[in-house]
N, C-alpha and C. Protein backbone atom coordinates (compact mmCIF):
# COMPACT_ATOMS: atom_id res chain seq x y z
N UNK A 1 0.84 -1.19 0.00
CA UNK A 1 0.00 0.00 0.00
C UNK A 1 0.87 1.24 0.00
N UNK A 2 0.37 2.25 -0.68
CA UNK A 2 1.09 3.51 -0.69
C UNK A 2 0.86 4.24 0.64
N UNK A 3 1.65 5.25 0.91
CA UNK A 3 1.52 5.99 2.16
C UNK A 3 0.17 6.67 2.26
N UNK A 4 -0.32 7.20 1.14
CA UNK A 4 -1.63 7.86 1.13
C UNK A 4 -2.72 6.86 1.53
N UNK A 5 -2.62 5.63 1.02
CA UNK A 5 -3.62 4.60 1.34
C UNK A 5 -3.51 4.14 2.78
N UNK A 6 -2.30 4.14 3.33
CA UNK A 6 -2.14 3.78 4.74
C UNK A 6 -2.76 4.85 5.63
N UNK A 7 -2.61 6.10 5.23
CA UNK A 7 -3.16 7.22 6.00
C UNK A 7 -4.68 7.26 5.89
N UNK A 8 -5.19 7.07 4.69
CA UNK A 8 -6.63 7.08 4.46
C UNK A 8 -6.97 5.88 3.57
N UNK A 9 -7.24 4.73 4.17
CA UNK A 9 -7.49 3.51 3.39
C UNK A 9 -8.68 3.66 2.44
N UNK A 10 -8.55 3.12 1.23
CA UNK A 10 -9.66 3.19 0.29
C UNK A 10 -10.80 2.26 0.73
N UNK A 11 -11.96 2.46 0.16
CA UNK A 11 -13.11 1.61 0.48
C UNK A 11 -13.01 0.25 -0.21
N UNK A 12 -12.23 0.16 -1.28
CA UNK A 12 -12.07 -1.14 -1.93
C UNK A 12 -11.00 -1.94 -1.22
N UNK A 13 -11.05 -3.26 -1.40
CA UNK A 13 -10.16 -4.15 -0.66
C UNK A 13 -8.91 -4.56 -1.43
N UNK A 14 -9.00 -4.51 -2.74
CA UNK A 14 -7.89 -4.97 -3.56
C UNK A 14 -8.08 -4.39 -4.96
N UNK A 15 -6.99 -4.16 -5.67
CA UNK A 15 -7.07 -3.67 -7.04
C UNK A 15 -6.06 -4.42 -7.90
N UNK A 16 -6.50 -4.84 -9.07
CA UNK A 16 -5.65 -5.56 -10.02
C UNK A 16 -5.78 -4.87 -11.38
N UNK A 17 -4.65 -4.68 -12.03
CA UNK A 17 -4.63 -4.10 -13.37
C UNK A 17 -3.71 -4.92 -14.26
N UNK A 18 -3.98 -4.88 -15.55
CA UNK A 18 -3.17 -5.62 -16.50
C UNK A 18 -1.94 -4.81 -16.90
N UNK A 19 -2.16 -3.58 -17.31
CA UNK A 19 -1.09 -2.74 -17.85
C UNK A 19 -0.84 -1.53 -16.97
N UNK A 20 0.38 -1.01 -17.08
CA UNK A 20 0.61 0.34 -16.61
C UNK A 20 0.04 1.24 -17.70
N UNK A 21 -0.63 2.31 -17.31
CA UNK A 21 -1.22 3.22 -18.28
C UNK A 21 -0.11 4.09 -18.86
N UNK A 22 0.38 3.68 -20.03
CA UNK A 22 1.45 4.39 -20.71
C UNK A 22 0.99 4.67 -22.14
N UNK A 23 1.89 5.14 -22.99
CA UNK A 23 1.50 5.48 -24.36
C UNK A 23 0.91 4.28 -25.11
N UNK A 24 1.47 3.09 -24.89
CA UNK A 24 0.99 1.89 -25.58
C UNK A 24 -0.42 1.52 -25.13
N UNK A 25 -0.60 1.35 -23.82
CA UNK A 25 -1.91 0.94 -23.32
C UNK A 25 -2.95 2.05 -23.52
N UNK A 26 -2.51 3.30 -23.42
CA UNK A 26 -3.43 4.43 -23.64
C UNK A 26 -4.02 4.37 -25.04
N UNK A 27 -3.19 4.09 -26.04
CA UNK A 27 -3.70 4.04 -27.41
C UNK A 27 -4.71 2.91 -27.59
N UNK A 28 -4.47 1.78 -26.95
CA UNK A 28 -5.41 0.65 -27.02
C UNK A 28 -6.73 1.02 -26.35
N UNK A 29 -6.65 1.55 -25.16
CA UNK A 29 -7.86 1.84 -24.40
C UNK A 29 -8.66 2.97 -25.02
N UNK A 30 -8.01 4.01 -25.50
CA UNK A 30 -8.75 5.10 -26.13
C UNK A 30 -9.41 4.66 -27.43
N UNK A 31 -8.77 3.77 -28.16
CA UNK A 31 -9.38 3.23 -29.37
C UNK A 31 -10.63 2.43 -29.01
N UNK A 32 -10.54 1.63 -27.95
CA UNK A 32 -11.67 0.83 -27.48
C UNK A 32 -12.78 1.73 -26.93
N UNK A 33 -12.39 2.72 -26.14
CA UNK A 33 -13.35 3.57 -25.43
C UNK A 33 -14.04 4.59 -26.32
N UNK A 34 -13.28 5.24 -27.17
CA UNK A 34 -13.83 6.34 -27.98
C UNK A 34 -13.81 6.07 -29.48
N UNK A 35 -13.14 5.00 -29.90
CA UNK A 35 -12.98 4.75 -31.33
C UNK A 35 -13.88 3.67 -31.89
N UNK A 36 -14.89 3.28 -31.12
CA UNK A 36 -15.84 2.25 -31.56
C UNK A 36 -15.18 0.92 -31.86
N UNK A 37 -14.04 0.65 -31.28
CA UNK A 37 -13.34 -0.62 -31.49
C UNK A 37 -13.81 -1.64 -30.46
N UNK A 38 -15.12 -1.88 -30.45
CA UNK A 38 -15.70 -2.77 -29.44
C UNK A 38 -15.23 -4.22 -29.58
N UNK A 39 -14.72 -4.57 -30.75
CA UNK A 39 -14.18 -5.91 -30.95
C UNK A 39 -12.99 -6.19 -30.01
N UNK A 40 -12.36 -5.14 -29.47
CA UNK A 40 -11.22 -5.30 -28.59
C UNK A 40 -11.61 -5.82 -27.21
N UNK A 41 -12.90 -5.86 -26.91
CA UNK A 41 -13.35 -6.30 -25.58
C UNK A 41 -12.89 -7.72 -25.27
N UNK A 42 -12.84 -8.58 -26.28
CA UNK A 42 -12.45 -9.97 -26.02
C UNK A 42 -10.99 -10.08 -25.59
N UNK A 43 -10.12 -9.40 -26.30
CA UNK A 43 -8.70 -9.44 -25.94
C UNK A 43 -8.44 -8.78 -24.59
N UNK A 44 -9.02 -7.59 -24.40
CA UNK A 44 -8.82 -6.89 -23.12
C UNK A 44 -9.37 -7.71 -21.95
N UNK A 45 -10.55 -8.25 -22.11
CA UNK A 45 -11.13 -9.02 -21.00
C UNK A 45 -10.34 -10.31 -20.75
N UNK A 46 -9.80 -10.91 -21.77
CA UNK A 46 -8.98 -12.11 -21.58
C UNK A 46 -7.72 -11.77 -20.79
N UNK A 47 -7.08 -10.65 -21.11
CA UNK A 47 -5.90 -10.22 -20.34
C UNK A 47 -6.28 -9.93 -18.89
N UNK A 48 -7.44 -9.29 -18.71
CA UNK A 48 -7.91 -8.97 -17.35
C UNK A 48 -8.21 -10.26 -16.58
N UNK A 49 -8.83 -11.20 -17.25
CA UNK A 49 -9.13 -12.48 -16.61
C UNK A 49 -7.84 -13.17 -16.16
N UNK A 50 -6.86 -13.20 -17.02
CA UNK A 50 -5.58 -13.84 -16.67
C UNK A 50 -4.92 -13.15 -15.47
N UNK A 51 -5.05 -11.83 -15.39
CA UNK A 51 -4.45 -11.10 -14.27
C UNK A 51 -5.16 -11.37 -12.95
N UNK A 52 -6.45 -11.73 -13.03
CA UNK A 52 -7.24 -11.89 -11.80
C UNK A 52 -7.83 -13.28 -11.63
N UNK A 53 -7.33 -14.24 -12.37
CA UNK A 53 -7.96 -15.57 -12.40
C UNK A 53 -8.01 -16.26 -11.04
N UNK A 54 -7.13 -15.91 -10.12
CA UNK A 54 -7.12 -16.55 -8.81
C UNK A 54 -7.98 -15.82 -7.77
N UNK A 55 -8.59 -14.72 -8.18
CA UNK A 55 -9.43 -13.96 -7.26
C UNK A 55 -10.84 -14.54 -7.28
N UNK A 56 -11.36 -14.80 -6.10
CA UNK A 56 -12.71 -15.36 -5.98
C UNK A 56 -13.68 -14.22 -5.68
N UNK A 57 -14.72 -14.13 -6.50
CA UNK A 57 -15.77 -13.14 -6.25
C UNK A 57 -17.12 -13.77 -6.56
N UNK A 58 -18.17 -13.13 -6.06
CA UNK A 58 -19.53 -13.65 -6.20
C UNK A 58 -20.32 -12.97 -7.30
N UNK A 59 -19.92 -11.75 -7.63
CA UNK A 59 -20.72 -10.92 -8.54
C UNK A 59 -19.79 -9.95 -9.25
N UNK A 60 -20.08 -9.69 -10.52
CA UNK A 60 -19.34 -8.69 -11.28
C UNK A 60 -20.28 -7.53 -11.59
N UNK A 61 -19.78 -6.32 -11.37
CA UNK A 61 -20.49 -5.11 -11.76
C UNK A 61 -19.53 -4.22 -12.54
N UNK A 62 -20.09 -3.30 -13.28
CA UNK A 62 -19.26 -2.39 -14.07
C UNK A 62 -19.48 -0.96 -13.62
N UNK A 63 -18.46 -0.15 -13.83
CA UNK A 63 -18.57 1.27 -13.51
C UNK A 63 -19.53 1.90 -14.52
N UNK A 64 -20.61 2.51 -14.02
CA UNK A 64 -21.60 3.07 -14.95
C UNK A 64 -21.18 4.42 -15.51
N UNK A 65 -21.77 4.76 -16.64
CA UNK A 65 -21.63 6.10 -17.19
C UNK A 65 -23.03 6.72 -17.22
N UNK A 66 -23.08 8.03 -17.24
CA UNK A 66 -24.37 8.72 -17.23
C UNK A 66 -25.12 8.47 -18.54
N UNK A 67 -26.42 8.51 -18.45
CA UNK A 67 -27.30 8.26 -19.59
C UNK A 67 -26.92 9.10 -20.82
N UNK A 68 -26.63 10.37 -20.64
CA UNK A 68 -26.30 11.24 -21.77
C UNK A 68 -24.97 10.85 -22.41
N UNK A 69 -24.01 10.46 -21.60
CA UNK A 69 -22.72 10.02 -22.14
C UNK A 69 -22.90 8.71 -22.93
N UNK A 70 -23.76 7.87 -22.42
CA UNK A 70 -24.03 6.60 -23.12
C UNK A 70 -24.70 6.85 -24.47
N UNK A 71 -25.62 7.80 -24.51
CA UNK A 71 -26.27 8.15 -25.78
C UNK A 71 -25.24 8.65 -26.79
N UNK A 72 -24.33 9.47 -26.32
CA UNK A 72 -23.30 10.03 -27.20
C UNK A 72 -22.33 8.96 -27.69
N UNK A 73 -21.87 8.09 -26.77
CA UNK A 73 -20.87 7.08 -27.10
C UNK A 73 -21.49 5.83 -27.72
N UNK A 74 -22.75 5.57 -27.42
CA UNK A 74 -23.52 4.42 -27.91
C UNK A 74 -23.27 3.14 -27.10
N UNK A 75 -22.31 3.12 -26.23
CA UNK A 75 -22.04 1.95 -25.40
C UNK A 75 -21.20 2.37 -24.20
N UNK A 76 -21.19 1.50 -23.20
CA UNK A 76 -20.32 1.69 -22.04
C UNK A 76 -19.24 0.62 -22.14
N UNK A 77 -18.02 1.03 -22.34
CA UNK A 77 -16.91 0.10 -22.54
C UNK A 77 -16.71 -0.82 -21.34
N UNK A 78 -16.99 -0.34 -20.14
CA UNK A 78 -16.80 -1.20 -18.97
C UNK A 78 -17.86 -2.30 -18.90
N UNK A 79 -19.06 -2.01 -19.42
CA UNK A 79 -20.08 -3.06 -19.48
C UNK A 79 -19.66 -4.17 -20.43
N UNK A 80 -19.06 -3.79 -21.55
CA UNK A 80 -18.60 -4.80 -22.51
C UNK A 80 -17.54 -5.70 -21.88
N UNK A 81 -16.61 -5.09 -21.15
CA UNK A 81 -15.56 -5.87 -20.48
C UNK A 81 -16.15 -6.76 -19.40
N UNK A 82 -17.04 -6.21 -18.59
CA UNK A 82 -17.63 -6.97 -17.48
C UNK A 82 -18.47 -8.14 -17.99
N UNK A 83 -19.16 -7.92 -19.08
CA UNK A 83 -19.97 -9.01 -19.67
C UNK A 83 -19.07 -10.17 -20.08
N UNK A 84 -17.96 -9.87 -20.74
CA UNK A 84 -17.01 -10.92 -21.13
C UNK A 84 -16.38 -11.58 -19.90
N UNK A 85 -16.06 -10.78 -18.90
CA UNK A 85 -15.44 -11.32 -17.69
C UNK A 85 -16.40 -12.22 -16.92
N UNK A 86 -17.67 -11.88 -16.93
CA UNK A 86 -18.66 -12.75 -16.30
C UNK A 86 -18.68 -14.12 -16.94
N UNK A 87 -18.56 -14.13 -18.25
CA UNK A 87 -18.51 -15.40 -18.98
C UNK A 87 -17.23 -16.16 -18.65
N UNK A 88 -16.10 -15.47 -18.65
CA UNK A 88 -14.82 -16.12 -18.39
C UNK A 88 -14.71 -16.66 -16.96
N UNK A 89 -15.17 -15.88 -15.99
CA UNK A 89 -15.14 -16.31 -14.59
C UNK A 89 -16.29 -17.25 -14.25
N UNK A 90 -17.28 -17.31 -15.12
CA UNK A 90 -18.50 -18.11 -14.90
C UNK A 90 -19.22 -17.66 -13.62
N UNK A 91 -19.30 -16.33 -13.45
CA UNK A 91 -20.08 -15.76 -12.35
C UNK A 91 -21.02 -14.70 -12.90
N UNK A 92 -22.03 -14.38 -12.13
CA UNK A 92 -23.07 -13.46 -12.56
C UNK A 92 -22.54 -12.05 -12.73
N UNK A 93 -22.85 -11.46 -13.88
CA UNK A 93 -22.59 -10.04 -14.12
C UNK A 93 -23.93 -9.33 -14.13
N UNK A 94 -24.06 -8.31 -13.31
CA UNK A 94 -25.31 -7.55 -13.26
C UNK A 94 -25.03 -6.09 -13.60
N UNK A 95 -25.40 -5.66 -14.81
CA UNK A 95 -25.10 -4.30 -15.25
C UNK A 95 -25.94 -3.21 -14.57
N UNK A 96 -27.01 -3.59 -13.87
CA UNK A 96 -27.92 -2.58 -13.33
C UNK A 96 -27.74 -2.30 -11.85
N UNK A 97 -26.74 -2.90 -11.22
CA UNK A 97 -26.55 -2.67 -9.78
C UNK A 97 -26.13 -1.23 -9.53
N UNK A 98 -25.01 -0.82 -10.10
CA UNK A 98 -24.52 0.56 -9.92
C UNK A 98 -25.18 1.47 -10.94
N UNK A 99 -25.50 2.68 -10.48
CA UNK A 99 -26.08 3.69 -11.36
C UNK A 99 -25.26 4.97 -11.28
N UNK A 100 -25.30 5.73 -12.34
CA UNK A 100 -24.66 7.05 -12.34
C UNK A 100 -25.77 8.06 -12.11
N UNK A 101 -25.79 8.63 -10.92
CA UNK A 101 -26.89 9.48 -10.48
C UNK A 101 -26.84 10.88 -11.07
N UNK A 102 -25.64 11.38 -11.31
CA UNK A 102 -25.53 12.73 -11.85
C UNK A 102 -24.36 12.77 -12.83
N UNK A 103 -24.48 13.60 -13.84
CA UNK A 103 -23.36 13.71 -14.78
C UNK A 103 -22.16 14.39 -14.12
N UNK A 104 -20.98 13.99 -14.56
CA UNK A 104 -19.75 14.60 -14.06
C UNK A 104 -18.92 15.02 -15.26
N UNK A 105 -18.00 15.92 -15.03
CA UNK A 105 -17.10 16.29 -16.12
C UNK A 105 -16.08 15.17 -16.29
N UNK A 106 -15.48 15.04 -17.47
CA UNK A 106 -14.46 14.00 -17.65
C UNK A 106 -13.32 14.16 -16.64
N UNK A 107 -12.85 13.03 -16.11
CA UNK A 107 -11.81 13.03 -15.08
C UNK A 107 -10.43 13.36 -15.65
N UNK A 108 -10.24 13.10 -16.93
CA UNK A 108 -8.92 13.29 -17.54
C UNK A 108 -8.45 14.73 -17.38
N UNK A 109 -7.25 14.88 -16.86
CA UNK A 109 -6.65 16.20 -16.68
C UNK A 109 -6.95 16.86 -15.34
N UNK A 110 -7.83 16.25 -14.54
CA UNK A 110 -8.16 16.83 -13.24
C UNK A 110 -7.12 16.41 -12.20
N UNK A 111 -6.95 17.25 -11.19
CA UNK A 111 -6.07 16.91 -10.07
C UNK A 111 -6.74 15.82 -9.23
N UNK A 112 -5.99 15.21 -8.35
CA UNK A 112 -6.55 14.17 -7.49
C UNK A 112 -7.72 14.72 -6.68
N UNK A 113 -7.54 15.89 -6.08
CA UNK A 113 -8.61 16.49 -5.28
C UNK A 113 -9.85 16.77 -6.14
N UNK A 114 -9.64 17.31 -7.33
CA UNK A 114 -10.76 17.60 -8.22
C UNK A 114 -11.49 16.33 -8.64
N UNK A 115 -10.74 15.26 -8.85
CA UNK A 115 -11.36 13.98 -9.20
C UNK A 115 -12.24 13.48 -8.06
N UNK A 116 -11.73 13.59 -6.84
CA UNK A 116 -12.50 13.15 -5.67
C UNK A 116 -13.80 13.93 -5.53
N UNK A 117 -13.73 15.24 -5.66
CA UNK A 117 -14.94 16.05 -5.52
C UNK A 117 -15.87 15.89 -6.73
N UNK A 118 -15.32 15.64 -7.90
CA UNK A 118 -16.11 15.46 -9.11
C UNK A 118 -17.03 14.24 -9.01
N UNK A 119 -16.54 13.13 -8.47
CA UNK A 119 -17.33 11.89 -8.41
C UNK A 119 -18.10 11.72 -7.10
N UNK A 120 -17.82 12.56 -6.12
CA UNK A 120 -18.49 12.41 -4.82
C UNK A 120 -20.02 12.49 -4.99
N UNK A 121 -20.69 11.46 -4.54
CA UNK A 121 -22.15 11.42 -4.59
C UNK A 121 -22.74 11.19 -5.97
N UNK A 122 -21.90 10.82 -6.94
CA UNK A 122 -22.41 10.67 -8.31
C UNK A 122 -22.89 9.26 -8.63
N UNK A 123 -22.63 8.29 -7.74
CA UNK A 123 -23.04 6.90 -7.98
C UNK A 123 -24.10 6.47 -6.98
N UNK A 124 -24.90 5.52 -7.40
CA UNK A 124 -25.92 4.96 -6.52
C UNK A 124 -26.08 3.48 -6.80
N UNK A 125 -26.93 2.84 -6.03
CA UNK A 125 -27.27 1.43 -6.23
C UNK A 125 -28.77 1.37 -6.48
N UNK A 126 -29.14 0.69 -7.54
CA UNK A 126 -30.55 0.49 -7.86
C UNK A 126 -31.14 -0.41 -6.78
N UNK A 127 -32.14 0.07 -6.07
CA UNK A 127 -32.71 -0.67 -4.93
C UNK A 127 -33.24 -2.04 -5.32
N UNK A 128 -33.64 -2.21 -6.58
CA UNK A 128 -34.13 -3.53 -7.01
C UNK A 128 -33.02 -4.58 -7.01
N UNK A 129 -31.77 -4.14 -7.14
CA UNK A 129 -30.65 -5.08 -7.23
C UNK A 129 -29.77 -5.08 -5.99
N UNK A 130 -30.06 -4.21 -5.03
CA UNK A 130 -29.27 -4.13 -3.80
C UNK A 130 -29.18 -5.47 -3.07
N UNK A 131 -30.25 -6.29 -3.02
CA UNK A 131 -30.13 -7.57 -2.33
C UNK A 131 -29.02 -8.49 -2.88
N UNK A 132 -28.65 -8.29 -4.14
CA UNK A 132 -27.57 -9.10 -4.72
C UNK A 132 -26.23 -8.85 -4.04
N UNK A 133 -26.10 -7.70 -3.37
CA UNK A 133 -24.82 -7.30 -2.77
C UNK A 133 -24.60 -7.87 -1.38
N UNK A 134 -25.65 -8.23 -0.70
CA UNK A 134 -25.58 -8.61 0.71
C UNK A 134 -24.57 -9.72 0.98
N UNK A 135 -23.50 -9.35 1.70
CA UNK A 135 -22.47 -10.30 2.11
C UNK A 135 -21.61 -10.83 0.98
N UNK A 136 -21.63 -10.20 -0.17
CA UNK A 136 -20.93 -10.71 -1.36
C UNK A 136 -19.58 -10.03 -1.57
N UNK A 137 -18.70 -10.76 -2.26
CA UNK A 137 -17.45 -10.20 -2.76
C UNK A 137 -17.75 -9.75 -4.18
N UNK A 138 -17.64 -8.46 -4.40
CA UNK A 138 -18.01 -7.87 -5.68
C UNK A 138 -16.77 -7.45 -6.45
N UNK A 139 -16.71 -7.84 -7.71
CA UNK A 139 -15.63 -7.41 -8.59
C UNK A 139 -16.16 -6.24 -9.43
N UNK A 140 -15.55 -5.08 -9.26
CA UNK A 140 -15.92 -3.89 -10.00
C UNK A 140 -14.97 -3.72 -11.16
N UNK A 141 -15.51 -3.68 -12.38
CA UNK A 141 -14.71 -3.60 -13.59
C UNK A 141 -14.71 -2.17 -14.12
N UNK A 142 -13.53 -1.68 -14.47
CA UNK A 142 -13.37 -0.37 -15.10
C UNK A 142 -12.24 -0.48 -16.11
N UNK A 143 -12.09 0.53 -16.94
CA UNK A 143 -11.03 0.46 -17.95
C UNK A 143 -9.69 0.95 -17.41
N UNK A 144 -9.69 2.10 -16.72
CA UNK A 144 -8.44 2.69 -16.22
C UNK A 144 -8.63 3.18 -14.79
N UNK A 145 -7.62 2.96 -13.96
CA UNK A 145 -7.59 3.55 -12.63
C UNK A 145 -6.46 4.56 -12.61
N UNK A 146 -6.82 5.79 -12.30
CA UNK A 146 -5.82 6.85 -12.22
C UNK A 146 -5.51 7.12 -10.76
N UNK A 147 -6.33 7.92 -10.12
CA UNK A 147 -6.12 8.19 -8.68
C UNK A 147 -6.90 7.22 -7.81
N UNK A 148 -7.85 6.52 -8.39
CA UNK A 148 -8.70 5.61 -7.62
C UNK A 148 -9.95 6.28 -7.10
N UNK A 149 -10.20 7.54 -7.48
CA UNK A 149 -11.36 8.28 -6.98
C UNK A 149 -12.67 7.60 -7.38
N UNK A 150 -12.81 7.22 -8.64
CA UNK A 150 -14.03 6.57 -9.10
C UNK A 150 -14.20 5.21 -8.44
N UNK A 151 -13.13 4.43 -8.41
CA UNK A 151 -13.18 3.10 -7.79
C UNK A 151 -13.57 3.21 -6.32
N UNK A 152 -13.00 4.18 -5.63
CA UNK A 152 -13.27 4.35 -4.21
C UNK A 152 -14.72 4.76 -3.97
N UNK A 153 -15.21 5.67 -4.77
CA UNK A 153 -16.61 6.12 -4.61
C UNK A 153 -17.58 4.98 -4.91
N UNK A 154 -17.30 4.21 -5.93
CA UNK A 154 -18.16 3.06 -6.26
C UNK A 154 -18.09 2.01 -5.15
N UNK A 155 -16.89 1.72 -4.65
CA UNK A 155 -16.73 0.74 -3.58
C UNK A 155 -17.47 1.19 -2.33
N UNK A 156 -17.39 2.47 -2.03
CA UNK A 156 -18.08 3.01 -0.85
C UNK A 156 -19.58 2.75 -0.95
N UNK A 157 -20.17 3.02 -2.10
CA UNK A 157 -21.63 2.85 -2.25
C UNK A 157 -22.00 1.37 -2.28
N UNK A 158 -21.15 0.52 -2.88
CA UNK A 158 -21.43 -0.92 -2.88
C UNK A 158 -21.41 -1.48 -1.46
N UNK A 159 -20.43 -1.06 -0.67
CA UNK A 159 -20.35 -1.54 0.72
C UNK A 159 -21.49 -0.98 1.57
N UNK A 160 -21.87 0.26 1.31
CA UNK A 160 -22.99 0.86 2.02
C UNK A 160 -24.26 0.03 1.82
N UNK A 161 -24.36 -0.63 0.67
CA UNK A 161 -25.53 -1.43 0.35
C UNK A 161 -25.31 -2.93 0.57
N UNK A 162 -24.29 -3.28 1.34
CA UNK A 162 -24.17 -4.66 1.80
C UNK A 162 -23.02 -5.49 1.28
N UNK A 163 -22.26 -5.01 0.29
CA UNK A 163 -21.13 -5.80 -0.20
C UNK A 163 -20.12 -5.99 0.93
N UNK A 164 -19.61 -7.21 1.06
CA UNK A 164 -18.61 -7.49 2.09
C UNK A 164 -17.24 -6.98 1.67
N UNK A 165 -16.87 -7.25 0.41
CA UNK A 165 -15.59 -6.81 -0.14
C UNK A 165 -15.81 -6.32 -1.56
N UNK A 166 -14.94 -5.41 -1.98
CA UNK A 166 -14.96 -4.91 -3.36
C UNK A 166 -13.55 -5.00 -3.91
N UNK A 167 -13.44 -5.71 -5.03
CA UNK A 167 -12.18 -5.87 -5.73
C UNK A 167 -12.28 -5.11 -7.04
N UNK A 168 -11.29 -4.30 -7.31
CA UNK A 168 -11.28 -3.51 -8.54
C UNK A 168 -10.43 -4.25 -9.57
N UNK A 169 -10.97 -4.38 -10.78
CA UNK A 169 -10.23 -4.98 -11.89
C UNK A 169 -10.26 -4.01 -13.05
N UNK A 170 -9.09 -3.53 -13.46
CA UNK A 170 -9.00 -2.60 -14.57
C UNK A 170 -8.01 -3.11 -15.62
N UNK A 171 -8.18 -2.59 -16.82
CA UNK A 171 -7.25 -2.93 -17.89
C UNK A 171 -5.90 -2.25 -17.64
N UNK A 172 -5.95 -1.01 -17.14
CA UNK A 172 -4.70 -0.28 -16.93
C UNK A 172 -4.78 0.58 -15.66
N UNK A 173 -3.61 0.90 -15.15
CA UNK A 173 -3.51 1.74 -13.98
C UNK A 173 -2.36 2.72 -14.16
N UNK A 174 -2.61 3.95 -13.79
CA UNK A 174 -1.57 4.97 -13.86
C UNK A 174 -0.58 4.69 -12.74
N UNK A 175 0.69 4.76 -13.07
CA UNK A 175 1.75 4.54 -12.09
C UNK A 175 1.61 5.53 -10.95
N UNK A 176 1.80 5.04 -9.73
CA UNK A 176 1.69 5.92 -8.55
C UNK A 176 2.62 7.12 -8.69
N UNK A 177 3.79 6.90 -9.24
CA UNK A 177 4.77 8.01 -9.38
C UNK A 177 4.22 9.13 -10.27
N UNK A 178 3.32 8.80 -11.20
CA UNK A 178 2.79 9.82 -12.11
C UNK A 178 1.64 10.62 -11.53
N UNK A 179 1.05 10.17 -10.41
CA UNK A 179 -0.06 10.91 -9.84
C UNK A 179 0.32 11.68 -8.58
N UNK A 180 1.57 11.64 -8.21
CA UNK A 180 2.01 12.40 -7.04
C UNK A 180 1.99 13.88 -7.29
C-alpha cells in the first residue's frame, strides 16, 4: 500500500490491473473507449481475466456512465468488459446494480482532489438489485484507474448497500509516481 492509502485507506479491498497506463496501453484503451473498437473487448477481457484468475468473487459489476454520455458514445466500454469477464469467470454479471446518479465532467486532466470532488455522490445502487450485494465479494470492472477516486466512490456505495468486499479490476492503472 502507498503511504496515502495507509493514512486514508480506500473503500475497496484490492485492485488488479493488466497494464501500466502508458503510451501503448493508452492508445489501445482510447481506441476501445472512444474509437468504436468494441471488438477489442475480447482481448482486453482475456488479459484482465488472466491477471485476476485466482481472485474469488460472487458478482461482477461495471462502472456506470451517465445516460447522456451513453447516448453520445452508444455503449459503455466497462459493461462490454464486465460481460465478457462474467462469462470467463463463470459468475453473474449484473449491469444494473450501480447507477450514475448525476453527470460529471471528464476526469482526464483533473487533479486528485478535483477527481475526488467530481465523483463524490455521483453513484448509486438500484434498490431492485441491492439484495444481490448482501455479504458478497463484488468485482468492480473499469477500464483505467488513475487516482482511484471513481473506484473508491463506487466501492463506498457498494459496501454501504451490503457488499462485504470490493475488488477492482482494470485494464490499466496509472503509475503511482505519475499521480504524485
